[in-house]
């Protein structure tokens, strides 16, 4: 007599305890974070610039956009939650930076210090004057304390192939976290998207903590799946 073997689906890996990844509005997450507690803020905002430029793909087809003023309010609140000497890494795009030359980039309590760029191999991105192969990231420091030299040697540039929705490179961001965030320190991710920063925190290890916000249900679910896979892979 044949025996039937019950098939049991394996239990998905747990989200690491150091990861607090919420499907929530940025303002709600900011309100829950204690001022002066954050070592590193990473922001990859849904800029509305491309929507205002002719001849380019409209990101509104993929996700809702925010104005520069709305993003500025979020960044200002995030800076208030940074420790003195903590860092802000702000992803932008070259047209936005050119436009910003004619406007005030001041965020109260923050001093802009440096920047870098991600060179995206593979297929070119969208663009109007030329097809974008790179994205800049600006680095600022919270006033009132010294940022200190990075704990590891960091490159101001990084090259990798882009993933879905131009998901930012986990390996490079993990380097930032190892260099700028002490073991047990806190990373705040304002626009979490598909979870590359949360993955980078897991990859960096040493008890570093993460809190992030993603308002879209599908992207939040996909990001959690990415974090679970990273939890299995560990620091690899």
C-alpha atoms as a PDB file:
ATOM      1  CA  UNK A   1       0.000   0.000   0.000  1.00  0.00           C
ATOM      2  CA  UNK A   2       1.498   3.253  -1.052  1.00  0.00           C
ATOM      3  CA  UNK A   3       2.047   5.940   1.514  1.00  0.00           C
ATOM      4  CA  UNK A   4       1.414   9.561   0.878  1.00  0.00           C
ATOM      5  CA  UNK A   5       4.060  11.990   2.080  1.00  0.00           C
ATOM      6  CA  UNK A   6       2.758  15.286   3.293  1.00  0.00           C
ATOM      7  CA  UNK A   7       4.472  18.199   1.655  1.00  0.00           C
ATOM      8  CA  UNK A   8       5.272  20.968   4.105  1.00  0.00           C
ATOM      9  CA  UNK A   9       6.308  24.323   2.750  1.00  0.00           C
ATOM     10  CA  UNK A  10       9.512  25.544   4.392  1.00  0.00           C
ATOM     11  CA  UNK A  11       9.024  28.411   6.783  1.00  0.00           C
ATOM     12  CA  UNK A  12      10.401  31.642   5.331  1.00  0.00           C
ATOM     13  CA  UNK A  13      13.407  33.063   7.177  1.00  0.00           C
ATOM     14  CA  UNK A  14      12.672  35.627   9.835  1.00  0.00           C
ATOM     15  CA  UNK A  15      13.381  39.301   9.351  1.00  0.00           C
ATOM     16  CA  UNK A  16      16.419  40.039  11.557  1.00  0.00           C
ATOM     17  CA  UNK A  17      15.540  41.708  14.850  1.00  0.00           C
ATOM     18  CA  UNK A  18      17.732  44.708  13.968  1.00  0.00           C
ATOM     19  CA  UNK A  19      15.495  45.523  10.969  1.00  0.00           C
ATOM     20  CA  UNK A  20      12.407  47.680  11.561  1.00  0.00           C
ATOM     21  CA  UNK A  21      10.976  47.985   8.045  1.00  0.00           C
ATOM     22  CA  UNK A  22       7.527  49.581   8.081  1.00  0.00           C
ATOM     23  CA  UNK A  23       4.876  50.016   5.423  1.00  0.00           C
ATOM     24  CA  UNK A  24       4.172  53.556   6.451  1.00  0.00           C
ATOM     25  CA  UNK A  25       4.398  57.186   5.476  1.00  0.00           C
ATOM     26  CA  UNK A  26       7.785  58.838   5.964  1.00  0.00           C
ATOM     27  CA  UNK A  27       6.322  61.390   8.376  1.00  0.00           C
ATOM     28  CA  UNK A  28       4.896  58.648  10.609  1.00  0.00           C
ATOM     29  CA  UNK A  29       8.260  56.888  10.854  1.00  0.00           C
ATOM     30  CA  UNK A  30      10.099  60.154  11.498  1.00  0.00           C
ATOM     31  CA  UNK A  31       7.717  60.955  14.355  1.00  0.00           C
ATOM     32  CA  UNK A  32       8.664  57.685  16.069  1.00  0.00           C
ATOM     33  CA  UNK A  33      12.454  58.164  15.923  1.00  0.00           C
ATOM     34  CA  UNK A  34      14.149  59.812  18.886  1.00  0.00           C
ATOM     35  CA  UNK A  35      16.032  63.046  18.122  1.00  0.00           C
ATOM     36  CA  UNK A  36      19.795  62.627  18.275  1.00  0.00           C
ATOM     37  CA  UNK A  37      19.653  58.832  17.890  1.00  0.00           C
ATOM     38  CA  UNK A  38      20.537  58.322  14.207  1.00  0.00           C
ATOM     39  CA  UNK A  39      24.082  57.791  12.934  1.00  0.00           C
ATOM     40  CA  UNK A  40      23.288  57.741   9.209  1.00  0.00           C
ATOM     41  CA  UNK A  41      20.282  58.886   7.185  1.00  0.00           C
ATOM     42  CA  UNK A  42      19.995  57.547   3.642  1.00  0.00           C
ATOM     43  CA  UNK A  43      17.448  59.171   1.341  1.00  0.00           C
ATOM     44  CA  UNK A  44      16.623  58.137  -2.226  1.00  0.00           C
ATOM     45  CA  UNK A  45      13.664  60.457  -2.817  1.00  0.00           C
ATOM     46  CA  UNK A  46      11.040  60.119  -5.552  1.00  0.00           C
ATOM     47  CA  UNK A  47      11.986  63.465  -7.095  1.00  0.00           C
ATOM     48  CA  UNK A  48       9.383  64.983  -9.387  1.00  0.00           C
ATOM     49  CA  UNK A  49      12.043  66.510 -11.678  1.00  0.00           C
ATOM     50  CA  UNK A  50      11.636  64.076 -14.574  1.00  0.00           C
ATOM     51  CA  UNK A  51       7.894  64.613 -14.635  1.00  0.00           C
ATOM     52  CA  UNK A  52       8.629  68.248 -15.408  1.00  0.00           C
ATOM     53  CA  UNK A  53      11.103  67.505 -18.196  1.00  0.00           C
ATOM     54  CA  UNK A  54       9.966  66.816 -21.774  1.00  0.00           C
ATOM     55  CA  UNK A  55      11.199  63.788 -23.642  1.00  0.00           C
ATOM     56  CA  UNK A  56      11.853  61.442 -20.704  1.00  0.00           C
ATOM     57  CA  UNK A  57      10.091  58.550 -19.034  1.00  0.00           C
ATOM     58  CA  UNK A  58       7.512  59.704 -16.510  1.00  0.00           C
ATOM     59  CA  UNK A  59       8.284  58.056 -13.131  1.00  0.00           C
ATOM     60  CA  UNK A  60       4.666  58.689 -12.093  1.00  0.00           C
ATOM     61  CA  UNK A  61       3.861  55.555 -14.075  1.00  0.00           C
ATOM     62  CA  UNK A  62       5.865  53.607 -11.484  1.00  0.00           C
ATOM     63  CA  UNK A  63       5.321  55.403  -8.179  1.00  0.00           C
ATOM     64  CA  UNK A  64       4.009  58.631  -6.723  1.00  0.00           C
ATOM     65  CA  UNK A  65       6.385  61.586  -6.705  1.00  0.00           C
ATOM     66  CA  UNK A  66       7.171  64.291  -4.175  1.00  0.00           C
ATOM     67  CA  UNK A  67       8.044  67.925  -4.727  1.00  0.00           C
ATOM     68  CA  UNK A  68      11.394  69.358  -3.704  1.00  0.00           C
ATOM     69  CA  UNK A  69       9.646  71.231  -0.890  1.00  0.00           C
ATOM     70  CA  UNK A  70       8.032  68.053   0.463  1.00  0.00           C
ATOM     71  CA  UNK A  71      11.330  66.193   0.332  1.00  0.00           C
ATOM     72  CA  UNK A  72      13.020  69.155   2.014  1.00  0.00           C
ATOM     73  CA  UNK A  73      10.580  68.929   4.927  1.00  0.00           C
ATOM     74  CA  UNK A  74      11.359  65.224   5.358  1.00  0.00           C
ATOM     75  CA  UNK A  75      15.105  65.839   5.201  1.00  0.00           C
ATOM     76  CA  UNK A  76      14.875  68.650   7.739  1.00  0.00           C
ATOM     77  CA  UNK A  77      13.007  66.413  10.178  1.00  0.00           C
ATOM     78  CA  UNK A  78      15.522  63.612   9.579  1.00  0.00           C
ATOM     79  CA  UNK A  79      18.468  65.897  10.348  1.00  0.00           C
ATOM     80  CA  UNK A  80      16.865  66.721  13.705  1.00  0.00           C
ATOM     81  CA  UNK A  81      16.998  62.992  14.515  1.00  0.00           C
ATOM     82  CA  UNK A  82      20.697  62.657  13.681  1.00  0.00           C
ATOM     83  CA  UNK A  83      23.390  62.728  16.335  1.00  0.00           C
ATOM     84  CA  UNK A  84      25.884  65.618  16.093  1.00  0.00           C
ATOM     85  CA  UNK A  85      28.442  64.510  13.523  1.00  0.00           C
ATOM     86  CA  UNK A  86      26.053  61.990  11.973  1.00  0.00           C
ATOM     87  CA  UNK A  87      25.840  61.803   8.202  1.00  0.00           C
ATOM     88  CA  UNK A  88      23.139  62.203   5.555  1.00  0.00           C
ATOM     89  CA  UNK A  89      23.584  60.478   2.182  1.00  0.00           C
ATOM     90  CA  UNK A  90      21.182  61.955  -0.390  1.00  0.00           C
ATOM     91  CA  UNK A  91      20.688  60.347  -3.798  1.00  0.00           C
ATOM     92  CA  UNK A  92      19.936  62.777  -6.592  1.00  0.00           C
ATOM     93  CA  UNK A  93      20.364  63.050 -10.367  1.00  0.00           C
ATOM     94  CA  UNK A  94      22.577  65.308 -12.429  1.00  0.00           C
ATOM     95  CA  UNK A  95      19.765  67.495 -13.870  1.00  0.00           C
ATOM     96  CA  UNK A  96      18.486  68.046 -10.331  1.00  0.00           C
ATOM     97  CA  UNK A  97      21.915  69.199  -9.163  1.00  0.00           C
ATOM     98  CA  UNK A  98      22.226  71.557 -12.125  1.00  0.00           C
ATOM     99  CA  UNK A  99      18.803  72.970 -11.301  1.00  0.00           C
ATOM    100  CA  UNK A 100      19.806  73.251  -7.656  1.00  0.00           C
ATOM    101  CA  UNK A 101      22.693  75.573  -8.550  1.00  0.00           C
ATOM    102  CA  UNK A 102      20.085  78.266  -8.903  1.00  0.00           C
ATOM    103  CA  UNK A 103      18.282  77.566  -5.645  1.00  0.00           C
ATOM    104  CA  UNK A 104      19.115  77.237  -1.974  1.00  0.00           C
ATOM    105  CA  UNK A 105      20.221  73.751  -0.890  1.00  0.00           C
ATOM    106  CA  UNK A 106      20.412  74.691   2.782  1.00  0.00           C
ATOM    107  CA  UNK A 107      18.973  72.240   5.311  1.00  0.00           C
ATOM    108  CA  UNK A 108      19.029  73.652   8.848  1.00  0.00           C
ATOM    109  CA  UNK A 109      21.578  71.867  11.017  1.00  0.00           C
ATOM    110  CA  UNK A 110      23.377  70.201   8.083  1.00  0.00           C
ATOM    111  CA  UNK A 111      26.667  71.038   6.372  1.00  0.00           C
ATOM    112  CA  UNK A 112      27.215  69.574   2.897  1.00  0.00           C
ATOM    113  CA  UNK A 113      30.683  68.037   2.757  1.00  0.00           C
ATOM    114  CA  UNK A 114      31.237  65.670  -0.168  1.00  0.00           C
ATOM    115  CA  UNK A 115      29.695  63.302  -2.669  1.00  0.00           C
ATOM    116  CA  UNK A 116      30.172  60.321  -4.913  1.00  0.00           C
ATOM    117  CA  UNK A 117      28.619  58.616  -7.914  1.00  0.00           C
ATOM    118  CA  UNK A 118      27.270  55.213  -8.873  1.00  0.00           C
ATOM    119  CA  UNK A 119      28.288  54.230 -12.417  1.00  0.00           C
ATOM    120  CA  UNK A 120      25.605  51.933 -13.806  1.00  0.00           C
ATOM    121  CA  UNK A 121      26.926  49.375 -16.269  1.00  0.00           C
ATOM    122  CA  UNK A 122      24.615  47.635 -18.695  1.00  0.00           C
ATOM    123  CA  UNK A 123      21.692  49.314 -20.425  1.00  0.00           C
ATOM    124  CA  UNK A 124      21.624  53.121 -20.250  1.00  0.00           C
ATOM    125  CA  UNK A 125      19.076  54.983 -18.193  1.00  0.00           C
ATOM    126  CA  UNK A 126      16.586  57.599 -19.313  1.00  0.00           C
ATOM    127  CA  UNK A 127      17.594  61.122 -20.180  1.00  0.00           C
ATOM    128  CA  UNK A 128      16.986  64.201 -22.309  1.00  0.00           C
ATOM    129  CA  UNK A 129      20.447  65.496 -23.330  1.00  0.00           C
ATOM    130  CA  UNK A 130      22.160  62.092 -23.021  1.00  0.00           C
ATOM    131  CA  UNK A 131      21.391  58.647 -21.634  1.00  0.00           C
ATOM    132  CA  UNK A 132      22.300  58.580 -17.974  1.00  0.00           C
ATOM    133  CA  UNK A 133      24.849  55.992 -16.834  1.00  0.00           C
ATOM    134  CA  UNK A 134      25.497  57.415 -13.373  1.00  0.00           C
ATOM    135  CA  UNK A 135      23.749  58.819 -10.318  1.00  0.00           C
ATOM    136  CA  UNK A 136      25.278  61.215  -7.784  1.00  0.00           C
ATOM    137  CA  UNK A 137      24.960  60.966  -4.017  1.00  0.00           C
ATOM    138  CA  UNK A 138      25.650  63.960  -1.754  1.00  0.00           C
ATOM    139  CA  UNK A 139      27.042  63.619   1.768  1.00  0.00           C
ATOM    140  CA  UNK A 140      26.290  66.065   4.565  1.00  0.00           C
ATOM    141  CA  UNK A 141      27.174  66.152   8.275  1.00  0.00           C
ATOM    142  CA  UNK A 142      25.004  67.156  11.204  1.00  0.00           C
ATOM    143  CA  UNK A 143      26.329  70.273  12.883  1.00  0.00           C
ATOM    144  CA  UNK A 144      27.540  70.200  16.476  1.00  0.00           C
ATOM    145  CA  UNK A 145      30.050  67.358  16.286  1.00  0.00           C
ATOM    146  CA  UNK A 146      32.869  65.908  14.221  1.00  0.00           C
ATOM    147  CA  UNK A 147      31.921  63.192  11.750  1.00  0.00           C
ATOM    148  CA  UNK A 148      35.256  61.453  12.169  1.00  0.00           C
ATOM    149  CA  UNK A 149      37.237  59.631   9.516  1.00  0.00           C
ATOM    150  CA  UNK A 150      35.574  56.536   8.083  1.00  0.00           C
ATOM    151  CA  UNK A 151      36.466  53.261   9.800  1.00  0.00           C
ATOM    152  CA  UNK A 152      37.218  51.605   6.450  1.00  0.00           C
ATOM    153  CA  UNK A 153      38.611  52.867   3.150  1.00  0.00           C
ATOM    154  CA  UNK A 154      35.644  54.095   1.101  1.00  0.00           C
ATOM    155  CA  UNK A 155      35.490  54.760  -2.618  1.00  0.00           C
ATOM    156  CA  UNK A 156      33.719  57.871  -3.883  1.00  0.00           C
ATOM    157  CA  UNK A 157      32.609  55.881  -6.919  1.00  0.00           C
ATOM    158  CA  UNK A 158      31.125  52.453  -7.496  1.00  0.00           C
ATOM    159  CA  UNK A 159      30.314  50.459 -10.627  1.00  0.00           C
ATOM    160  CA  UNK A 160      27.641  47.777 -10.885  1.00  0.00           C
ATOM    161  CA  UNK A 161      24.764  46.775 -13.141  1.00  0.00           C
ATOM    162  CA  UNK A 162      21.404  48.359 -12.306  1.00  0.00           C
ATOM    163  CA  UNK A 163      18.556  46.209 -11.035  1.00  0.00           C
ATOM    164  CA  UNK A 164      14.783  46.701 -11.019  1.00  0.00           C
ATOM    165  CA  UNK A 165      13.735  50.351 -10.632  1.00  0.00           C
ATOM    166  CA  UNK A 166      17.451  51.278 -10.533  1.00  0.00           C
ATOM    167  CA  UNK A 167      17.732  49.697  -7.086  1.00  0.00           C
ATOM    168  CA  UNK A 168      20.813  51.097  -5.384  1.00  0.00           C
ATOM    169  CA  UNK A 169      23.938  48.881  -4.955  1.00  0.00           C
ATOM    170  CA  UNK A 170      23.797  46.942  -1.689  1.00  0.00           C
ATOM    171  CA  UNK A 171      27.549  46.325  -1.642  1.00  0.00           C
ATOM    172  CA  UNK A 172      28.506  50.003  -1.825  1.00  0.00           C
ATOM    173  CA  UNK A 173      25.914  51.051   0.769  1.00  0.00           C
ATOM    174  CA  UNK A 174      27.143  48.300   3.114  1.00  0.00           C
ATOM    175  CA  UNK A 175      30.597  49.888   2.808  1.00  0.00           C
ATOM    176  CA  UNK A 176      29.155  53.263   3.872  1.00  0.00           C
ATOM    177  CA  UNK A 177      27.502  51.646   6.868  1.00  0.00           C
ATOM    178  CA  UNK A 178      30.695  49.859   7.959  1.00  0.00           C
ATOM    179  CA  UNK A 179      32.615  53.109   7.539  1.00  0.00           C
ATOM    180  CA  UNK A 180      30.205  55.628   9.017  1.00  0.00           C
ATOM    181  CA  UNK A 181      28.041  53.744  11.513  1.00  0.00           C
ATOM    182  CA  UNK A 182      29.508  52.212  14.683  1.00  0.00           C
ATOM    183  CA  UNK A 183      28.524  48.674  15.720  1.00  0.00           C
ATOM    184  CA  UNK A 184      25.034  48.886  17.199  1.00  0.00           C
ATOM    185  CA  UNK A 185      24.414  52.250  15.526  1.00  0.00           C
ATOM    186  CA  UNK A 186      21.187  53.269  13.780  1.00  0.00           C
ATOM    187  CA  UNK A 187      20.486  53.819  10.066  1.00  0.00           C
ATOM    188  CA  UNK A 188      17.330  55.699   9.011  1.00  0.00           C
ATOM    189  CA  UNK A 189      16.034  54.998   5.484  1.00  0.00           C
ATOM    190  CA  UNK A 190      13.434  57.553   4.402  1.00  0.00           C
ATOM    191  CA  UNK A 191      12.286  56.126   1.044  1.00  0.00           C
ATOM    192  CA  UNK A 192      13.076  52.446   1.327  1.00  0.00           C
ATOM    193  CA  UNK A 193      11.838  51.221  -2.057  1.00  0.00           C
ATOM    194  CA  UNK A 194      12.936  47.631  -2.666  1.00  0.00           C
ATOM    195  CA  UNK A 195      15.018  47.443   0.488  1.00  0.00           C
ATOM    196  CA  UNK A 196      18.643  47.862  -0.602  1.00  0.00           C
ATOM    197  CA  UNK A 197      19.543  49.854   2.538  1.00  0.00           C
ATOM    198  CA  UNK A 198      17.927  47.285   4.841  1.00  0.00           C
ATOM    199  CA  UNK A 199      19.883  44.562   3.036  1.00  0.00           C
ATOM    200  CA  UNK A 200      23.070  46.592   3.423  1.00  0.00           C
ATOM    201  CA  UNK A 201      22.531  46.874   7.184  1.00  0.00           C
ATOM    202  CA  UNK A 202      22.170  43.084   7.405  1.00  0.00           C
ATOM    203  CA  UNK A 203      25.289  42.675   5.259  1.00  0.00           C
ATOM    204  CA  UNK A 204      27.303  45.121   7.400  1.00  0.00           C
ATOM    205  CA  UNK A 205      26.331  43.233  10.576  1.00  0.00           C
ATOM    206  CA  UNK A 206      27.823  43.960  14.031  1.00  0.00           C
ATOM    207  CA  UNK A 207      24.431  44.715  15.542  1.00  0.00           C
ATOM    208  CA  UNK A 208      23.798  47.789  13.449  1.00  0.00           C
ATOM    209  CA  UNK A 209      20.107  48.703  13.403  1.00  0.00           C
ATOM    210  CA  UNK A 210      17.723  49.894  10.705  1.00  0.00           C
ATOM    211  CA  UNK A 211      14.412  51.731  10.588  1.00  0.00           C
ATOM    212  CA  UNK A 212      12.827  52.486   7.230  1.00  0.00           C
ATOM    213  CA  UNK A 213       9.611  53.523   5.524  1.00  0.00           C
ATOM    214  CA  UNK A 214       8.010  52.354   2.277  1.00  0.00           C
ATOM    215  CA  UNK A 215       4.418  53.367   1.658  1.00  0.00           C
ATOM    216  CA  UNK A 216       3.684  51.174  -1.391  1.00  0.00           C
ATOM    217  CA  UNK A 217       2.300  47.726  -0.523  1.00  0.00           C
ATOM    218  CA  UNK A 218       3.899  45.802  -3.412  1.00  0.00           C
ATOM    219  CA  UNK A 219       7.331  47.387  -3.063  1.00  0.00           C
ATOM    220  CA  UNK A 220       7.255  46.850   0.696  1.00  0.00           C
ATOM    221  CA  UNK A 221       6.431  43.147   0.244  1.00  0.00           C
ATOM    222  CA  UNK A 222       9.180  42.755  -2.371  1.00  0.00           C
ATOM    223  CA  UNK A 223      11.651  44.522  -0.101  1.00  0.00           C
ATOM    224  CA  UNK A 224      10.884  42.185   2.804  1.00  0.00           C
ATOM    225  CA  UNK A 225      11.538  39.219   0.512  1.00  0.00           C
ATOM    226  CA  UNK A 226      14.903  40.754  -0.442  1.00  0.00           C
ATOM    227  CA  UNK A 227      15.799  41.254   3.229  1.00  0.00           C
ATOM    228  CA  UNK A 228      14.869  37.647   4.035  1.00  0.00           C
ATOM    229  CA  UNK A 229      17.148  36.409   1.261  1.00  0.00           C
ATOM    230  CA  UNK A 230      19.950  38.587   2.565  1.00  0.00           C
ATOM    231  CA  UNK A 231      19.394  37.262   6.095  1.00  0.00           C
ATOM    232  CA  UNK A 232      20.026  33.747   4.733  1.00  0.00           C
ATOM    233  CA  UNK A 233      23.068  34.884   2.723  1.00  0.00           C
ATOM    234  CA  UNK A 234      24.498  36.889   5.623  1.00  0.00           C
ATOM    235  CA  UNK A 235      27.512  39.028   4.806  1.00  0.00           C
ATOM    236  CA  UNK A 236      28.104  37.385   1.406  1.00  0.00           C
END
